[in-house]
Amino acid sequence: MHYTSIEISESLAAEQRKTVHAKRQHQSKFKVEVRNAADVAAWGPPSDEPCFVIMLEVLDNLPHDRVFRSSRHDPWLQTMVTSSQPGLTSATPSPDSSIPPSEVQDPSSSPLQFRELLAPVRDPLIRRCLAALEPGGSEAGPLSGTEPPDGTEPVKANVTGLLALAREFFGSLAEPPEGLEVLWLPTGALQLLETLYAARPNMCLVAADFDALPDVRIEGRNAPLVASKADGVTQDQSTYLVQPGIADIFFPTDFDVLHRLNLAAAHWSKAGHVPSANSASTRAFMEQFGDVKRTRTRTGFNPLLEDYLNTKIFVSQPGTRFDGS
């Protein structure tokens, strides 16, 4: 068996090589590829060869998109964030910007100011993610104006309603009124799953992550925990609109949603089969598959069972093929 680590950071990849190469017997079985795992082109030609894809605490760091709506009868709106600096029209002007280069200041010279804007959902990835969460969406394909990865014609797009809401909300601050439904969509997870099924359709996927996070102060379903540290003290933030580089952002994983995204990604990526997936708490998983007698301490405490109680393990493997086999 051979192991390939997909690492986006060159410095972390170097550490992995150093660690593995210290054990000479492993060198011929392990390699690191520095690239974005969600980039399908970087995988090269698709391979039907069976393999395992293991993701430990990957999902909590993937990008999410914030959407919301006034009621269940209204279409979703996506959130966009603009940044500026005091006294500047744009911190990073576009090529056709009217700001002379001499007036553009170094972004590090003053704190960025962030503003949320509301807009109709036009992003194809957000639309696919919403489609997967609709009843039947993960099995029947895209619904309600969403677009599948192959760009086929969307169905029943409520363009008039979206444009009306855009005129009403666009440009306003995205502070939700009372009763507004806010949802943080795991669009990064969907993109990664689509890529994996396109590149390695016969993979067995194993993912472990947090299904709940403590002390989240940001509103919305699956909202992130934003934490910064100063003088060794961790502080939980009440907004994700913090200065770049000063905070860690973690998202909980809704494993019911992950099941639906997994089915949708396999369907839209034409994997050729319906994956069979299950998830369980880490404790339940280890009780079934781990040797828990070997991890019990002298006091009776068992870290394999009693630590990280807010985590789950997800396992997906190729299931029934579309030809019935």
C-alpha atoms as a PDB file:
ATOM      1  CA  MET A   1       0.000   0.000   0.000  1.00  0.00           C
ATOM      2  CA  HIS A   2       1.216   3.508  -0.835  1.00  0.00           C
ATOM      3  CA  TYR A   3       0.307   6.753   0.925  1.00  0.00           C
ATOM      4  CA  THR A   4      -0.013  10.229  -0.613  1.00  0.00           C
ATOM      5  CA  SER A   5      -0.488  13.321   1.527  1.00  0.00           C
ATOM      6  CA  ILE A   6      -2.189  16.286  -0.156  1.00  0.00           C
ATOM      7  CA  GLU A   7      -0.881  19.408   1.571  1.00  0.00           C
ATOM      8  CA  ILE A   8      -1.494  22.987   0.468  1.00  0.00           C
ATOM      9  CA  SER A   9       1.296  24.395   2.651  1.00  0.00           C
ATOM     10  CA  GLU A  10       4.876  23.920   1.457  1.00  0.00           C
ATOM     11  CA  SER A  11       6.275  24.368   4.982  1.00  0.00           C
ATOM     12  CA  LEU A  12       3.968  21.703   6.443  1.00  0.00           C
ATOM     13  CA  ALA A  13       4.736  19.406   3.526  1.00  0.00           C
ATOM     14  CA  ALA A  14       8.443  19.761   4.333  1.00  0.00           C
ATOM     15  CA  GLU A  15       7.743  18.760   7.945  1.00  0.00           C
ATOM     16  CA  GLN A  16       5.877  15.666   6.771  1.00  0.00           C
ATOM     17  CA  ARG A  17       8.735  14.630   4.503  1.00  0.00           C
ATOM     18  CA  LYS A  18      11.200  15.135   7.345  1.00  0.00           C
ATOM     19  CA  THR A  19       9.138  13.029   9.752  1.00  0.00           C
ATOM     20  CA  VAL A  20       8.580  10.152   7.329  1.00  0.00           C
ATOM     21  CA  HIS A  21      12.123  10.145   5.961  1.00  0.00           C
ATOM     22  CA  ALA A  22      13.402   9.692   9.510  1.00  0.00           C
ATOM     23  CA  LYS A  23      11.958   6.179   9.200  1.00  0.00           C
ATOM     24  CA  ARG A  24      13.799   4.913   6.150  1.00  0.00           C
ATOM     25  CA  GLN A  25      11.547   1.898   5.735  1.00  0.00           C
ATOM     26  CA  HIS A  26       8.607   4.234   4.972  1.00  0.00           C
ATOM     27  CA  GLN A  27      10.259   6.411   2.332  1.00  0.00           C
ATOM     28  CA  SER A  28       9.284   4.224  -0.616  1.00  0.00           C
ATOM     29  CA  LYS A  29       5.642   4.103   0.480  1.00  0.00           C
ATOM     30  CA  PHE A  30       4.931   7.773   1.168  1.00  0.00           C
ATOM     31  CA  LYS A  31       4.957  11.026  -0.780  1.00  0.00           C
ATOM     32  CA  VAL A  32       3.630  14.561  -0.312  1.00  0.00           C
ATOM     33  CA  GLU A  33       1.984  16.578  -3.083  1.00  0.00           C
ATOM     34  CA  VAL A  34       1.742  20.330  -2.493  1.00  0.00           C
ATOM     35  CA  ARG A  35      -1.541  21.393  -4.056  1.00  0.00           C
ATOM     36  CA  ASN A  36      -5.182  22.236  -3.445  1.00  0.00           C
ATOM     37  CA  ALA A  37      -7.152  19.006  -3.020  1.00  0.00           C
ATOM     38  CA  ALA A  38     -10.328  20.746  -4.250  1.00  0.00           C
ATOM     39  CA  ASP A  39      -8.719  21.540  -7.630  1.00  0.00           C
ATOM     40  CA  VAL A  40      -9.856  18.720  -9.922  1.00  0.00           C
ATOM     41  CA  ALA A  41      -7.252  19.543 -12.589  1.00  0.00           C
ATOM     42  CA  ALA A  42      -4.430  18.950 -10.103  1.00  0.00           C
ATOM     43  CA  TRP A  43      -5.472  15.306  -9.686  1.00  0.00           C
ATOM     44  CA  GLY A  44      -4.688  14.451 -13.285  1.00  0.00           C
ATOM     45  CA  PRO A  45      -6.731  11.893 -15.237  1.00  0.00           C
ATOM     46  CA  PRO A  46      -9.528  10.191 -13.259  1.00  0.00           C
ATOM     47  CA  SER A  47      -8.680   6.784 -11.809  1.00  0.00           C
ATOM     48  CA  ASP A  48     -11.156   3.973 -11.063  1.00  0.00           C
ATOM     49  CA  GLU A  49      -8.629   2.235  -8.845  1.00  0.00           C
ATOM     50  CA  PRO A  50      -9.980   1.688  -5.313  1.00  0.00           C
ATOM     51  CA  CYS A  51      -8.377   3.882  -2.660  1.00  0.00           C
ATOM     52  CA  PHE A  52      -8.939   5.379   0.776  1.00  0.00           C
ATOM     53  CA  VAL A  53      -9.286   9.129   1.286  1.00  0.00           C
ATOM     54  CA  ILE A  54      -8.791  10.089   4.942  1.00  0.00           C
ATOM     55  CA  MET A  55      -9.720  13.561   6.221  1.00  0.00           C
ATOM     56  CA  LEU A  56      -9.085  14.235   9.908  1.00  0.00           C
ATOM     57  CA  GLU A  57     -10.266  17.679  11.044  1.00  0.00           C
ATOM     58  CA  VAL A  58     -10.351  18.948   7.471  1.00  0.00           C
ATOM     59  CA  LEU A  59     -14.035  19.846   7.203  1.00  0.00           C
ATOM     60  CA  ASP A  60     -13.958  22.359  10.066  1.00  0.00           C
ATOM     61  CA  ASN A  61     -11.459  24.540   8.198  1.00  0.00           C
ATOM     62  CA  LEU A  62     -13.097  24.502   4.775  1.00  0.00           C
ATOM     63  CA  PRO A  63     -14.840  27.630   3.395  1.00  0.00           C
ATOM     64  CA  HIS A  64     -18.532  28.192   4.118  1.00  0.00           C
ATOM     65  CA  ASP A  65     -21.066  30.619   2.671  1.00  0.00           C
ATOM     66  CA  ARG A  66     -23.591  32.537   4.735  1.00  0.00           C
ATOM     67  CA  VAL A  67     -27.139  32.632   3.339  1.00  0.00           C
ATOM     68  CA  PHE A  68     -30.418  33.701   4.869  1.00  0.00           C
ATOM     69  CA  ARG A  69     -34.071  34.376   4.125  1.00  0.00           C
ATOM     70  CA  SER A  70     -36.975  36.157   5.779  1.00  0.00           C
ATOM     71  CA  SER A  71     -39.218  33.084   5.824  1.00  0.00           C
ATOM     72  CA  ARG A  72     -39.461  29.602   4.399  1.00  0.00           C
ATOM     73  CA  HIS A  73     -41.496  31.014   1.510  1.00  0.00           C
ATOM     74  CA  ASP A  74     -38.775  33.452   0.433  1.00  0.00           C
ATOM     75  CA  PRO A  75     -35.703  32.615  -1.638  1.00  0.00           C
ATOM     76  CA  TRP A  76     -32.314  32.547  -0.025  1.00  0.00           C
ATOM     77  CA  LEU A  77     -29.950  35.517  -0.254  1.00  0.00           C
ATOM     78  CA  GLN A  78     -26.192  35.160  -0.227  1.00  0.00           C
ATOM     79  CA  THR A  79     -23.877  37.331   1.845  1.00  0.00           C
ATOM     80  CA  MET A  80     -20.993  39.200   0.271  1.00  0.00           C
ATOM     81  CA  VAL A  81     -18.318  41.060   2.192  1.00  0.00           C
ATOM     82  CA  THR A  82     -16.602  44.217   1.005  1.00  0.00           C
ATOM     83  CA  SER A  83     -13.526  45.713   2.618  1.00  0.00           C
ATOM     84  CA  SER A  84     -12.237  49.255   2.676  1.00  0.00           C
ATOM     85  CA  GLN A  85      -9.968  51.528   4.643  1.00  0.00           C
ATOM     86  CA  PRO A  86     -10.868  54.861   6.201  1.00  0.00           C
ATOM     87  CA  GLY A  87     -10.714  57.557   3.567  1.00  0.00           C
ATOM     88  CA  LEU A  88     -10.235  55.136   0.664  1.00  0.00           C
ATOM     89  CA  THR A  89     -12.737  54.027  -1.924  1.00  0.00           C
ATOM     90  CA  SER A  90     -10.975  50.710  -2.408  1.00  0.00           C
ATOM     91  CA  ALA A  91      -8.140  49.011  -0.538  1.00  0.00           C
ATOM     92  CA  THR A  92      -7.233  47.031  -3.669  1.00  0.00           C
ATOM     93  CA  PRO A  93      -8.446  48.910  -6.753  1.00  0.00           C
ATOM     94  CA  SER A  94      -9.329  47.042  -9.908  1.00  0.00           C
ATOM     95  CA  PRO A  95      -7.469  47.780 -13.153  1.00  0.00           C
ATOM     96  CA  ASP A  96     -10.219  50.175 -14.250  1.00  0.00           C
ATOM     97  CA  SER A  97     -10.383  51.937 -10.863  1.00  0.00           C
ATOM     98  CA  SER A  98     -10.380  55.731 -10.893  1.00  0.00           C
ATOM     99  CA  ILE A  99      -8.113  55.901  -7.813  1.00  0.00           C
ATOM    100  CA  PRO A 100      -4.630  57.078  -8.806  1.00  0.00           C
ATOM    101  CA  PRO A 101      -1.926  54.611  -7.680  1.00  0.00           C
ATOM    102  CA  SER A 102      -0.366  57.308  -5.501  1.00  0.00           C
ATOM    103  CA  GLU A 103      -3.509  57.426  -3.358  1.00  0.00           C
ATOM    104  CA  VAL A 104      -3.635  53.689  -2.684  1.00  0.00           C
ATOM    105  CA  GLN A 105      -2.240  53.040   0.783  1.00  0.00           C
ATOM    106  CA  ASP A 106      -0.549  49.962   2.115  1.00  0.00           C
ATOM    107  CA  PRO A 107      -3.404  47.726   3.459  1.00  0.00           C
ATOM    108  CA  SER A 108      -1.340  47.104   6.602  1.00  0.00           C
ATOM    109  CA  SER A 109      -1.202  50.797   7.441  1.00  0.00           C
ATOM    110  CA  SER A 110      -4.693  50.912   8.953  1.00  0.00           C
ATOM    111  CA  PRO A 111      -7.340  48.334   9.914  1.00  0.00           C
ATOM    112  CA  LEU A 112      -9.708  47.184   7.216  1.00  0.00           C
ATOM    113  CA  GLN A 113     -13.389  47.958   7.621  1.00  0.00           C
ATOM    114  CA  PHE A 114     -15.793  45.216   6.552  1.00  0.00           C
ATOM    115  CA  ARG A 115     -19.392  45.486   5.395  1.00  0.00           C
ATOM    116  CA  GLU A 116     -21.888  42.746   4.620  1.00  0.00           C
ATOM    117  CA  LEU A 117     -24.009  43.090   1.481  1.00  0.00           C
ATOM    118  CA  LEU A 118     -27.001  41.014   0.445  1.00  0.00           C
ATOM    119  CA  ALA A 119     -27.603  39.725  -3.059  1.00  0.00           C
ATOM    120  CA  PRO A 120     -29.625  37.074  -4.890  1.00  0.00           C
ATOM    121  CA  VAL A 121     -27.972  33.670  -4.930  1.00  0.00           C
ATOM    122  CA  ARG A 122     -26.019  33.587  -8.179  1.00  0.00           C
ATOM    123  CA  ASP A 123     -22.948  31.630  -7.104  1.00  0.00           C
ATOM    124  CA  PRO A 124     -23.239  28.176  -8.766  1.00  0.00           C
ATOM    125  CA  LEU A 125     -21.617  26.405  -5.816  1.00  0.00           C
ATOM    126  CA  ILE A 126     -24.052  27.955  -3.325  1.00  0.00           C
ATOM    127  CA  ARG A 127     -26.958  27.016  -5.581  1.00  0.00           C
ATOM    128  CA  ARG A 128     -25.789  23.410  -5.834  1.00  0.00           C
ATOM    129  CA  CYS A 129     -25.336  23.233  -2.068  1.00  0.00           C
ATOM    130  CA  LEU A 130     -28.855  24.544  -1.455  1.00  0.00           C
ATOM    131  CA  ALA A 131     -30.200  22.080  -4.030  1.00  0.00           C
ATOM    132  CA  ALA A 132     -28.577  19.167  -2.230  1.00  0.00           C
ATOM    133  CA  LEU A 133     -30.349  20.162   0.984  1.00  0.00           C
ATOM    134  CA  GLU A 134     -33.791  20.298  -0.597  1.00  0.00           C
ATOM    135  CA  PRO A 135     -36.045  17.237  -0.227  1.00  0.00           C
ATOM    136  CA  GLY A 136     -34.827  14.765  -2.842  1.00  0.00           C
ATOM    137  CA  GLY A 137     -32.108  17.146  -3.951  1.00  0.00           C
ATOM    138  CA  SER A 138     -29.209  14.820  -3.226  1.00  0.00           C
ATOM    139  CA  GLU A 139     -30.752  12.048  -5.300  1.00  0.00           C
ATOM    140  CA  ALA A 140     -32.916  13.705  -7.928  1.00  0.00           C
ATOM    141  CA  GLY A 141     -30.424  16.354  -8.990  1.00  0.00           C
ATOM    142  CA  PRO A 142     -30.608  20.153  -8.884  1.00  0.00           C
ATOM    143  CA  LEU A 143     -33.891  21.866  -8.041  1.00  0.00           C
ATOM    144  CA  SER A 144     -35.395  25.340  -7.838  1.00  0.00           C
ATOM    145  CA  GLY A 145     -33.049  27.250 -10.088  1.00  0.00           C
ATOM    146  CA  THR A 146     -29.830  25.528  -9.081  1.00  0.00           C
ATOM    147  CA  GLU A 147     -27.165  24.445 -11.531  1.00  0.00           C
ATOM    148  CA  PRO A 148     -25.424  21.051 -11.583  1.00  0.00           C
ATOM    149  CA  PRO A 149     -21.673  20.921 -12.211  1.00  0.00           C
ATOM    150  CA  ASP A 150     -22.140  20.177 -15.922  1.00  0.00           C
ATOM    151  CA  GLY A 151     -24.020  23.460 -16.434  1.00  0.00           C
ATOM    152  CA  THR A 152     -27.262  21.969 -17.744  1.00  0.00           C
ATOM    153  CA  GLU A 153     -30.330  24.173 -17.872  1.00  0.00           C
ATOM    154  CA  PRO A 154     -31.594  25.178 -14.405  1.00  0.00           C
ATOM    155  CA  VAL A 155     -35.187  24.430 -13.510  1.00  0.00           C
ATOM    156  CA  LYS A 156     -37.871  26.758 -12.123  1.00  0.00           C
ATOM    157  CA  ALA A 157     -35.624  29.692 -11.364  1.00  0.00           C
ATOM    158  CA  ASN A 158     -37.568  32.393  -9.521  1.00  0.00           C
ATOM    159  CA  VAL A 159     -35.706  35.218 -11.229  1.00  0.00           C
ATOM    160  CA  THR A 160     -38.400  37.841 -10.691  1.00  0.00           C
ATOM    161  CA  GLY A 161     -38.540  37.210  -6.968  1.00  0.00           C
ATOM    162  CA  LEU A 162     -34.775  37.211  -6.658  1.00  0.00           C
ATOM    163  CA  LEU A 163     -34.435  40.521  -8.486  1.00  0.00           C
ATOM    164  CA  ALA A 164     -37.161  42.095  -6.375  1.00  0.00           C
ATOM    165  CA  LEU A 165     -35.371  41.024  -3.200  1.00  0.00           C
ATOM    166  CA  ALA A 166     -32.100  42.252  -4.621  1.00  0.00           C
ATOM    167  CA  ARG A 167     -33.541  45.729  -5.192  1.00  0.00           C
ATOM    168  CA  GLU A 168     -34.929  45.717  -1.668  1.00  0.00           C
ATOM    169  CA  PHE A 169     -31.872  44.399   0.169  1.00  0.00           C
ATOM    170  CA  PHE A 170     -28.762  44.916  -1.954  1.00  0.00           C
ATOM    171  CA  GLY A 171     -26.452  47.450  -0.427  1.00  0.00           C
ATOM    172  CA  SER A 172     -28.054  47.244   2.997  1.00  0.00           C
ATOM    173  CA  LEU A 173     -26.256  45.925   6.020  1.00  0.00           C
ATOM    174  CA  ALA A 174     -26.893  42.234   6.443  1.00  0.00           C
ATOM    175  CA  GLU A 175     -28.071  42.452  10.027  1.00  0.00           C
ATOM    176  CA  PRO A 176     -30.946  39.965  10.093  1.00  0.00           C
ATOM    177  CA  PRO A 177     -34.278  41.135  11.470  1.00  0.00           C
ATOM    178  CA  GLU A 178     -36.025  39.072  14.086  1.00  0.00           C
ATOM    179  CA  GLY A 179     -37.086  35.650  12.811  1.00  0.00           C
ATOM    180  CA  LEU A 180     -34.702  35.595   9.857  1.00  0.00           C
ATOM    181  CA  GLU A 181     -33.297  32.169   8.996  1.00  0.00           C
ATOM    182  CA  VAL A 182     -29.501  32.166   8.804  1.00  0.00           C
ATOM    183  CA  LEU A 183     -27.551  29.193   7.474  1.00  0.00           C
ATOM    184  CA  TRP A 184     -23.832  28.639   7.005  1.00  0.00           C
ATOM    185  CA  LEU A 185     -23.482  26.380   3.972  1.00  0.00           C
ATOM    186  CA  PRO A 186     -20.509  23.961   3.753  1.00  0.00           C
ATOM    187  CA  THR A 187     -19.784  24.913   0.147  1.00  0.00           C
ATOM    188  CA  GLY A 188     -16.105  24.075   0.544  1.00  0.00           C
ATOM    189  CA  ALA A 189     -17.001  20.534   1.571  1.00  0.00           C
ATOM    190  CA  LEU A 190     -19.287  20.124  -1.438  1.00  0.00           C
ATOM    191  CA  GLN A 191     -16.593  21.382  -3.798  1.00  0.00           C
ATOM    192  CA  LEU A 192     -14.066  18.971  -2.308  1.00  0.00           C
ATOM    193  CA  LEU A 193     -16.489  16.038  -2.521  1.00  0.00           C
ATOM    194  CA  GLU A 194     -17.316  16.824  -6.145  1.00  0.00           C
ATOM    195  CA  THR A 195     -13.606  16.897  -6.941  1.00  0.00           C
ATOM    196  CA  LEU A 196     -12.913  13.621  -5.133  1.00  0.00           C
ATOM    197  CA  TYR A 197     -15.728  11.779  -6.898  1.00  0.00           C
ATOM    198  CA  ALA A 198     -14.632  13.147 -10.265  1.00  0.00           C
ATOM    199  CA  ALA A 199     -10.987  12.174  -9.661  1.00  0.00           C
ATOM    200  CA  ARG A 200     -11.356   8.974  -7.603  1.00  0.00           C
ATOM    201  CA  PRO A 201     -14.943   7.718  -8.061  1.00  0.00           C
ATOM    202  CA  ASN A 202     -14.276   4.380  -6.308  1.00  0.00           C
ATOM    203  CA  MET A 203     -12.793   5.871  -3.173  1.00  0.00           C
ATOM    204  CA  CYS A 204     -13.666   4.904   0.378  1.00  0.00           C
ATOM    205  CA  LEU A 205     -13.922   8.167   2.303  1.00  0.00           C
ATOM    206  CA  VAL A 206     -13.182   8.427   6.031  1.00  0.00           C
ATOM    207  CA  ALA A 207     -13.728  11.814   7.695  1.00  0.00           C
ATOM    208  CA  ALA A 208     -13.553  12.734  11.376  1.00  0.00           C
ATOM    209  CA  ASP A 209     -14.528  16.133  12.741  1.00  0.00           C
ATOM    210  CA  PHE A 210     -16.426  18.155  15.315  1.00  0.00           C
ATOM    211  CA  ASP A 211     -20.212  17.935  15.197  1.00  0.00           C
ATOM    212  CA  ALA A 212     -20.591  20.720  17.787  1.00  0.00           C
ATOM    213  CA  LEU A 213     -18.415  23.555  19.077  1.00  0.00           C
ATOM    214  CA  PRO A 214     -18.664  25.302  22.464  1.00  0.00           C
ATOM    215  CA  ASP A 215     -19.202  29.003  23.113  1.00  0.00           C
ATOM    216  CA  VAL A 216     -20.174  29.971  19.553  1.00  0.00           C
ATOM    217  CA  ARG A 217     -21.271  33.629  19.650  1.00  0.00           C
ATOM    218  CA  ILE A 218     -22.206  34.055  15.994  1.00  0.00           C
ATOM    219  CA  GLU A 219     -25.800  33.554  14.886  1.00  0.00           C
ATOM    220  CA  GLY A 220     -27.041  30.983  12.437  1.00  0.00           C
ATOM    221  CA  ARG A 221     -27.189  27.248  11.955  1.00  0.00           C
ATOM    222  CA  ASN A 222     -23.677  25.740  11.771  1.00  0.00           C
ATOM    223  CA  ALA A 223     -22.191  29.134  12.648  1.00  0.00           C
ATOM    224  CA  PRO A 224     -18.422  29.170  13.204  1.00  0.00           C
ATOM    225  CA  LEU A 225     -16.391  29.586  16.337  1.00  0.00           C
ATOM    226  CA  VAL A 226     -14.070  32.551  15.818  1.00  0.00           C
ATOM    227  CA  ALA A 227     -11.291  32.644  18.404  1.00  0.00           C
ATOM    228  CA  SER A 228      -8.279  34.930  18.779  1.00  0.00           C
ATOM    229  CA  LYS A 229      -5.455  34.803  21.297  1.00  0.00           C
ATOM    230  CA  ALA A 230      -3.694  37.723  22.940  1.00  0.00           C
ATOM    231  CA  ASP A 231      -1.065  37.396  25.675  1.00  0.00           C
ATOM    232  CA  GLY A 232      -1.861  33.695  25.939  1.00  0.00           C
ATOM    233  CA  VAL A 233      -5.579  34.308  26.569  1.00  0.00           C
ATOM    234  CA  THR A 234      -8.145  32.977  24.077  1.00  0.00           C
ATOM    235  CA  GLN A 235     -11.090  35.229  23.293  1.00  0.00           C
ATOM    236  CA  ASP A 236     -14.193  34.107  21.390  1.00  0.00           C
ATOM    237  CA  GLN A 237     -15.342  36.716  18.903  1.00  0.00           C
ATOM    238  CA  SER A 238     -18.947  37.711  18.210  1.00  0.00           C
ATOM    239  CA  THR A 239     -18.283  38.315  14.508  1.00  0.00           C
ATOM    240  CA  TYR A 240     -16.311  36.704  11.719  1.00  0.00           C
ATOM    241  CA  LEU A 241     -15.457  40.132  10.293  1.00  0.00           C
ATOM    242  CA  VAL A 242     -12.100  40.344  12.029  1.00  0.00           C
ATOM    243  CA  GLN A 243      -8.779  41.551  10.689  1.00  0.00           C
ATOM    244  CA  PRO A 244      -6.979  38.935   8.560  1.00  0.00           C
ATOM    245  CA  GLY A 245      -4.599  36.690  10.442  1.00  0.00           C
ATOM    246  CA  ILE A 246      -5.681  37.458  14.011  1.00  0.00           C
ATOM    247  CA  ALA A 247      -8.210  34.653  14.588  1.00  0.00           C
ATOM    248  CA  ASP A 248      -8.855  30.984  13.928  1.00  0.00           C
ATOM    249  CA  ILE A 249     -12.222  30.101  12.404  1.00  0.00           C
ATOM    250  CA  PHE A 250     -13.714  26.640  12.983  1.00  0.00           C
ATOM    251  CA  PHE A 251     -17.015  25.289  11.692  1.00  0.00           C
ATOM    252  CA  PRO A 252     -19.000  22.423  13.192  1.00  0.00           C
ATOM    253  CA  THR A 253     -19.998  19.662  10.789  1.00  0.00           C
ATOM    254  CA  ASP A 254     -23.648  18.744  10.432  1.00  0.00           C
ATOM    255  CA  PHE A 255     -23.241  15.072   9.556  1.00  0.00           C
ATOM    256  CA  ASP A 256     -26.818  14.781   8.255  1.00  0.00           C
ATOM    257  CA  VAL A 257     -25.959  17.540   5.796  1.00  0.00           C
ATOM    258  CA  LEU A 258     -22.678  15.785   4.972  1.00  0.00           C
ATOM    259  CA  HIS A 259     -24.618  12.651   4.024  1.00  0.00           C
ATOM    260  CA  ARG A 260     -26.738  14.665   1.566  1.00  0.00           C
ATOM    261  CA  LEU A 261     -23.744  16.467   0.084  1.00  0.00           C
ATOM    262  CA  ASN A 262     -21.965  13.144  -0.340  1.00  0.00           C
ATOM    263  CA  LEU A 263     -24.874  11.712  -2.330  1.00  0.00           C
ATOM    264  CA  ALA A 264     -25.247  14.859  -4.411  1.00  0.00           C
ATOM    265  CA  ALA A 265     -21.535  15.055  -5.225  1.00  0.00           C
ATOM    266  CA  ALA A 266     -21.451  11.438  -6.372  1.00  0.00           C
ATOM    267  CA  HIS A 267     -24.549  12.000  -8.518  1.00  0.00           C
ATOM    268  CA  TRP A 268     -23.423  15.257 -10.123  1.00  0.00           C
ATOM    269  CA  SER A 269     -19.848  14.059 -10.648  1.00  0.00           C
ATOM    270  CA  LYS A 270     -21.125  10.959 -12.463  1.00  0.00           C
ATOM    271  CA  ALA A 271     -19.313   8.587 -10.140  1.00  0.00           C
ATOM    272  CA  GLY A 272     -21.383   5.709 -11.516  1.00  0.00           C
ATOM    273  CA  HIS A 273     -22.688   4.481  -8.172  1.00  0.00           C
ATOM    274  CA  VAL A 274     -24.713   5.528  -5.133  1.00  0.00           C
ATOM    275  CA  PRO A 275     -22.319   5.647  -2.163  1.00  0.00           C
ATOM    276  CA  SER A 276     -23.196   3.842   1.033  1.00  0.00           C
ATOM    277  CA  ALA A 277     -22.346   5.957   4.072  1.00  0.00           C
ATOM    278  CA  ASN A 278     -22.676   5.871   7.835  1.00  0.00           C
ATOM    279  CA  SER A 279     -21.622   8.146  10.673  1.00  0.00           C
ATOM    280  CA  ALA A 280     -21.285   7.596  14.399  1.00  0.00           C
ATOM    281  CA  SER A 281     -19.910   9.329  17.449  1.00  0.00           C
ATOM    282  CA  THR A 282     -16.206   8.765  17.947  1.00  0.00           C
ATOM    283  CA  ARG A 283     -16.968   6.830  21.129  1.00  0.00           C
ATOM    284  CA  ALA A 284     -19.402   4.479  19.366  1.00  0.00           C
ATOM    285  CA  PHE A 285     -17.006   4.020  16.454  1.00  0.00           C
ATOM    286  CA  MET A 286     -14.075   3.168  18.725  1.00  0.00           C
ATOM    287  CA  GLU A 287     -16.164   0.798  20.844  1.00  0.00           C
ATOM    288  CA  GLN A 288     -16.986  -1.142  17.682  1.00  0.00           C
ATOM    289  CA  PHE A 289     -13.670  -1.023  15.843  1.00  0.00           C
ATOM    290  CA  GLY A 290     -10.986  -0.023  18.385  1.00  0.00           C
ATOM    291  CA  ASP A 291      -9.075  -2.056  20.932  1.00  0.00           C
ATOM    292  CA  VAL A 292     -10.322   0.015  23.861  1.00  0.00           C
ATOM    293  CA  LYS A 293      -8.788  -2.297  26.485  1.00  0.00           C
ATOM    294  CA  ARG A 294      -5.320  -1.157  25.430  1.00  0.00           C
ATOM    295  CA  THR A 295      -6.149   2.544  25.863  1.00  0.00           C
ATOM    296  CA  ARG A 296      -7.614   2.358  29.377  1.00  0.00           C
ATOM    297  CA  THR A 297      -5.427   4.092  31.972  1.00  0.00           C
ATOM    298  CA  ARG A 298      -4.729   2.890  35.501  1.00  0.00           C
ATOM    299  CA  THR A 299      -7.416   5.200  36.874  1.00  0.00           C
ATOM    300  CA  GLY A 300      -9.995   3.719  34.518  1.00  0.00           C
ATOM    301  CA  PHE A 301     -10.050   6.784  32.294  1.00  0.00           C
ATOM    302  CA  ASN A 302     -10.089   5.921  28.589  1.00  0.00           C
ATOM    303  CA  PRO A 303      -9.129   8.842  26.316  1.00  0.00           C
ATOM    304  CA  LEU A 304     -10.231   6.937  23.218  1.00  0.00           C
ATOM    305  CA  LEU A 305     -13.778   6.900  24.579  1.00  0.00           C
ATOM    306  CA  GLU A 306     -13.969   9.889  26.894  1.00  0.00           C
ATOM    307  CA  ASP A 307     -12.054  12.626  25.069  1.00  0.00           C
ATOM    308  CA  TYR A 308     -13.465  14.625  22.173  1.00  0.00           C
ATOM    309  CA  LEU A 309     -17.093  13.751  22.876  1.00  0.00           C
ATOM    310  CA  ASN A 310     -18.172  16.401  20.353  1.00  0.00           C
ATOM    311  CA  THR A 311     -16.707  14.536  17.378  1.00  0.00           C
ATOM    312  CA  LYS A 312     -18.049  12.043  14.863  1.00  0.00           C
ATOM    313  CA  ILE A 313     -16.609   9.756  12.207  1.00  0.00           C
ATOM    314  CA  PHE A 314     -18.074   9.476   8.704  1.00  0.00           C
ATOM    315  CA  VAL A 315     -17.373   6.518   6.412  1.00  0.00           C
ATOM    316  CA  SER A 316     -18.537   6.335   2.800  1.00  0.00           C
ATOM    317  CA  GLN A 317     -17.806   3.566   0.327  1.00  0.00           C
ATOM    318  CA  PRO A 318     -18.930   2.667  -3.191  1.00  0.00           C
ATOM    319  CA  GLY A 319     -22.420   1.245  -3.115  1.00  0.00           C
ATOM    320  CA  THR A 320     -24.985   0.140  -5.668  1.00  0.00           C
ATOM    321  CA  ARG A 321     -23.915   0.957  -9.187  1.00  0.00           C
ATOM    322  CA  PHE A 322     -26.337   2.632 -11.545  1.00  0.00           C
ATOM    323  CA  ASP A 323     -26.418  -0.539 -13.647  1.00  0.00           C
ATOM    324  CA  GLY A 324     -27.790  -2.397 -10.609  1.00  0.00           C
ATOM    325  CA  SER A 325     -24.598  -4.233  -9.689  1.00  0.00           C
END
